Amino acid sequence: MTVLMVPKSKFKPKAFAYLRRVESGDHVCITDHGRPVVDIVPHRAEDDRELEELRGLVRKYERPMDPVDVEWEAGT
């Protein structure tokens, strides 16, 4: 694995070449005036597994500002 430090001005014109490097296992760190800003790393299958475990646990509220019909108990 190689970590490439690339100024953002040089990343844009060669973005596809850098992404191919990431696909082959390298890491790319995009910098702004020498300061690291963004890391681009290869995708890992473990990331998918962790997200799959969370699927269905988050509720979507269509109207979040509506009143909630639940009795709340104040803690002391």
N, C-alpha and C. Protein backbone atom coordinates (compact mmCIF):
# COMPACT_ATOMS: atom_id res chain seq x y z
N MET A 1 0.84 -1.18 0.00
CA MET A 1 0.00 0.00 0.00
C MET A 1 0.88 1.23 0.00
N THR A 2 0.53 2.16 -0.85
CA THR A 2 1.23 3.43 -0.95
C THR A 2 0.26 4.54 -0.61
N VAL A 3 0.73 5.54 0.13
CA VAL A 3 -0.08 6.72 0.41
C VAL A 3 0.45 7.85 -0.47
N LEU A 4 -0.40 8.35 -1.34
CA LEU A 4 -0.02 9.44 -2.23
C LEU A 4 -0.57 10.74 -1.68
N MET A 5 0.30 11.73 -1.49
CA MET A 5 -0.11 13.06 -1.06
C MET A 5 -0.22 13.91 -2.33
N VAL A 6 -1.44 14.40 -2.62
CA VAL A 6 -1.69 15.10 -3.88
C VAL A 6 -2.36 16.44 -3.61
N PRO A 7 -1.77 17.53 -4.09
CA PRO A 7 -2.45 18.82 -3.96
C PRO A 7 -3.75 18.80 -4.75
N LYS A 8 -4.79 19.47 -4.24
CA LYS A 8 -6.09 19.41 -4.92
C LYS A 8 -6.02 19.98 -6.33
N SER A 9 -5.14 20.91 -6.58
CA SER A 9 -5.01 21.47 -7.93
C SER A 9 -4.48 20.43 -8.92
N LYS A 10 -3.71 19.46 -8.44
CA LYS A 10 -3.19 18.41 -9.32
C LYS A 10 -4.10 17.19 -9.36
N PHE A 11 -4.99 17.07 -8.37
CA PHE A 11 -5.89 15.92 -8.35
C PHE A 11 -6.93 16.00 -9.46
N LYS A 12 -7.54 17.15 -9.61
CA LYS A 12 -8.67 17.29 -10.53
C LYS A 12 -8.34 16.83 -11.96
N PRO A 13 -7.26 17.31 -12.58
CA PRO A 13 -7.03 16.89 -13.96
C PRO A 13 -6.67 15.41 -14.11
N LYS A 14 -6.25 14.77 -13.04
CA LYS A 14 -5.84 13.36 -13.11
C LYS A 14 -6.68 12.48 -12.18
N ALA A 15 -7.91 12.91 -11.89
CA ALA A 15 -8.76 12.21 -10.93
C ALA A 15 -8.94 10.74 -11.27
N PHE A 16 -9.23 10.43 -12.52
CA PHE A 16 -9.47 9.03 -12.88
C PHE A 16 -8.22 8.18 -12.69
N ALA A 17 -7.05 8.72 -12.97
CA ALA A 17 -5.80 7.98 -12.76
C ALA A 17 -5.59 7.70 -11.27
N TYR A 18 -5.87 8.69 -10.43
CA TYR A 18 -5.73 8.48 -8.98
C TYR A 18 -6.76 7.47 -8.47
N LEU A 19 -7.99 7.52 -8.99
CA LEU A 19 -9.01 6.56 -8.57
C LEU A 19 -8.63 5.14 -8.97
N ARG A 20 -7.99 4.99 -10.11
CA ARG A 20 -7.50 3.66 -10.50
C ARG A 20 -6.43 3.16 -9.52
N ARG A 21 -5.60 4.08 -9.04
CA ARG A 21 -4.60 3.70 -8.03
C ARG A 21 -5.28 3.22 -6.75
N VAL A 22 -6.36 3.91 -6.36
CA VAL A 22 -7.10 3.51 -5.16
C VAL A 22 -7.72 2.13 -5.38
N GLU A 23 -8.26 1.89 -6.55
CA GLU A 23 -8.84 0.58 -6.86
C GLU A 23 -7.81 -0.54 -6.72
N SER A 24 -6.55 -0.21 -6.97
CA SER A 24 -5.50 -1.23 -6.86
C SER A 24 -4.91 -1.31 -5.45
N GLY A 25 -5.47 -0.53 -4.50
CA GLY A 25 -5.06 -0.66 -3.10
C GLY A 25 -4.33 0.52 -2.50
N ASP A 26 -3.96 1.50 -3.30
CA ASP A 26 -3.26 2.67 -2.76
C ASP A 26 -4.25 3.62 -2.07
N HIS A 27 -3.73 4.46 -1.21
CA HIS A 27 -4.52 5.51 -0.55
C HIS A 27 -4.08 6.84 -1.14
N VAL A 28 -5.04 7.75 -1.34
CA VAL A 28 -4.73 9.08 -1.85
C VAL A 28 -5.18 10.09 -0.80
N CYS A 29 -4.30 10.99 -0.43
CA CYS A 29 -4.61 12.06 0.50
C CYS A 29 -4.54 13.37 -0.27
N ILE A 30 -5.68 14.05 -0.40
CA ILE A 30 -5.72 15.32 -1.12
C ILE A 30 -5.42 16.43 -0.12
N THR A 31 -4.51 17.31 -0.51
CA THR A 31 -4.08 18.38 0.39
C THR A 31 -4.49 19.74 -0.17
N ASP A 32 -4.58 20.70 0.74
CA ASP A 32 -4.84 22.10 0.39
C ASP A 32 -3.78 22.93 1.09
N HIS A 33 -2.89 23.51 0.32
CA HIS A 33 -1.76 24.26 0.85
C HIS A 33 -0.94 23.42 1.82
N GLY A 34 -0.74 22.13 1.47
CA GLY A 34 0.06 21.24 2.29
C GLY A 34 -0.67 20.61 3.46
N ARG A 35 -1.92 21.00 3.69
CA ARG A 35 -2.70 20.48 4.81
C ARG A 35 -3.62 19.37 4.31
N PRO A 36 -3.55 18.17 4.90
CA PRO A 36 -4.44 17.08 4.48
C PRO A 36 -5.91 17.47 4.65
N VAL A 37 -6.72 17.20 3.60
CA VAL A 37 -8.13 17.57 3.63
C VAL A 37 -9.02 16.34 3.46
N VAL A 38 -8.70 15.48 2.50
CA VAL A 38 -9.56 14.34 2.19
C VAL A 38 -8.70 13.11 1.95
N ASP A 39 -9.11 11.98 2.53
CA ASP A 39 -8.47 10.70 2.25
C ASP A 39 -9.39 9.88 1.37
N ILE A 40 -8.83 9.31 0.32
CA ILE A 40 -9.58 8.39 -0.53
C ILE A 40 -8.94 7.02 -0.35
N VAL A 41 -9.72 6.08 0.13
CA VAL A 41 -9.21 4.74 0.43
C VAL A 41 -10.07 3.70 -0.26
N PRO A 42 -9.53 2.51 -0.50
CA PRO A 42 -10.33 1.45 -1.13
C PRO A 42 -11.52 1.06 -0.26
N HIS A 43 -12.61 0.69 -0.91
CA HIS A 43 -13.80 0.21 -0.21
C HIS A 43 -13.52 -1.17 0.37
N ARG A 44 -14.03 -1.41 1.59
CA ARG A 44 -13.86 -2.72 2.23
C ARG A 44 -15.22 -3.38 2.37
N ALA A 45 -15.27 -4.69 2.16
CA ALA A 45 -16.52 -5.44 2.29
C ALA A 45 -17.06 -5.37 3.71
N GLU A 46 -16.17 -5.22 4.71
CA GLU A 46 -16.62 -5.13 6.11
C GLU A 46 -17.54 -3.92 6.30
N ASP A 47 -17.28 -2.85 5.54
CA ASP A 47 -18.12 -1.66 5.66
C ASP A 47 -19.56 -1.99 5.30
N ASP A 48 -19.77 -2.79 4.27
CA ASP A 48 -21.12 -3.17 3.86
C ASP A 48 -21.80 -3.98 4.96
N ARG A 49 -21.06 -4.88 5.58
CA ARG A 49 -21.64 -5.73 6.61
C ARG A 49 -22.11 -4.89 7.80
N GLU A 50 -21.31 -3.91 8.20
CA GLU A 50 -21.68 -3.05 9.32
C GLU A 50 -22.94 -2.25 9.00
N LEU A 51 -23.04 -1.74 7.78
CA LEU A 51 -24.23 -1.00 7.39
C LEU A 51 -25.45 -1.91 7.31
N GLU A 52 -25.27 -3.12 6.84
CA GLU A 52 -26.39 -4.05 6.73
C GLU A 52 -26.97 -4.36 8.11
N GLU A 53 -26.12 -4.44 9.14
CA GLU A 53 -26.60 -4.69 10.49
C GLU A 53 -27.49 -3.56 10.99
N LEU A 54 -27.26 -2.35 10.51
CA LEU A 54 -28.04 -1.19 10.95
C LEU A 54 -29.32 -0.99 10.13
N ARG A 55 -29.39 -1.64 8.97
CA ARG A 55 -30.54 -1.45 8.09
C ARG A 55 -31.84 -1.82 8.82
N GLY A 56 -32.82 -0.95 8.74
CA GLY A 56 -34.11 -1.18 9.37
C GLY A 56 -34.21 -0.66 10.79
N LEU A 57 -33.10 -0.22 11.38
CA LEU A 57 -33.13 0.28 12.75
C LEU A 57 -33.48 1.76 12.84
N VAL A 58 -33.31 2.48 11.75
CA VAL A 58 -33.59 3.91 11.74
C VAL A 58 -34.98 4.11 11.17
N ARG A 59 -35.77 4.90 11.86
CA ARG A 59 -37.12 5.17 11.39
C ARG A 59 -37.15 6.47 10.60
N LYS A 60 -38.01 6.48 9.61
CA LYS A 60 -38.18 7.68 8.81
C LYS A 60 -39.51 8.32 9.22
N TYR A 61 -39.44 9.55 9.60
CA TYR A 61 -40.64 10.28 10.00
C TYR A 61 -41.04 11.19 8.85
N GLU A 62 -42.21 10.94 8.30
CA GLU A 62 -42.71 11.74 7.19
C GLU A 62 -43.04 13.16 7.65
N ARG A 63 -43.57 13.27 8.86
CA ARG A 63 -43.99 14.58 9.39
C ARG A 63 -43.41 14.76 10.79
N PRO A 64 -42.13 15.08 10.89
CA PRO A 64 -41.48 15.12 12.20
C PRO A 64 -41.95 16.24 13.12
N MET A 65 -42.65 17.22 12.59
CA MET A 65 -43.10 18.34 13.42
C MET A 65 -44.47 18.09 14.04
N ASP A 66 -45.12 16.98 13.69
CA ASP A 66 -46.42 16.65 14.28
C ASP A 66 -46.24 16.28 15.75
N PRO A 67 -47.27 16.54 16.57
CA PRO A 67 -47.18 16.17 17.98
C PRO A 67 -47.07 14.65 18.15
N VAL A 68 -46.42 14.23 19.20
CA VAL A 68 -46.26 12.81 19.50
C VAL A 68 -47.30 12.42 20.54
N ASP A 69 -48.05 11.34 20.24
CA ASP A 69 -49.10 10.89 21.16
C ASP A 69 -48.53 9.83 22.11
N VAL A 70 -47.58 10.25 22.94
CA VAL A 70 -46.95 9.33 23.89
C VAL A 70 -46.87 10.04 25.23
N GLU A 71 -47.16 9.30 26.29
CA GLU A 71 -47.01 9.84 27.64
C GLU A 71 -45.52 9.86 27.99
N TRP A 72 -45.01 11.00 28.37
CA TRP A 72 -43.61 11.12 28.76
C TRP A 72 -43.53 11.24 30.27
N GLU A 73 -42.54 10.62 30.82
CA GLU A 73 -42.35 10.68 32.25
C GLU A 73 -41.07 11.46 32.53
N ALA A 74 -41.20 12.52 33.33
CA ALA A 74 -40.04 13.34 33.63
C ALA A 74 -39.18 12.64 34.68
N GLY A 75 -37.89 12.58 34.41
CA GLY A 75 -36.96 11.97 35.37
C GLY A 75 -36.46 13.01 36.36
N THR A 76 -36.08 12.55 37.53
CA THR A 76 -35.57 13.50 38.54
C THR A 76 -34.13 13.21 38.83
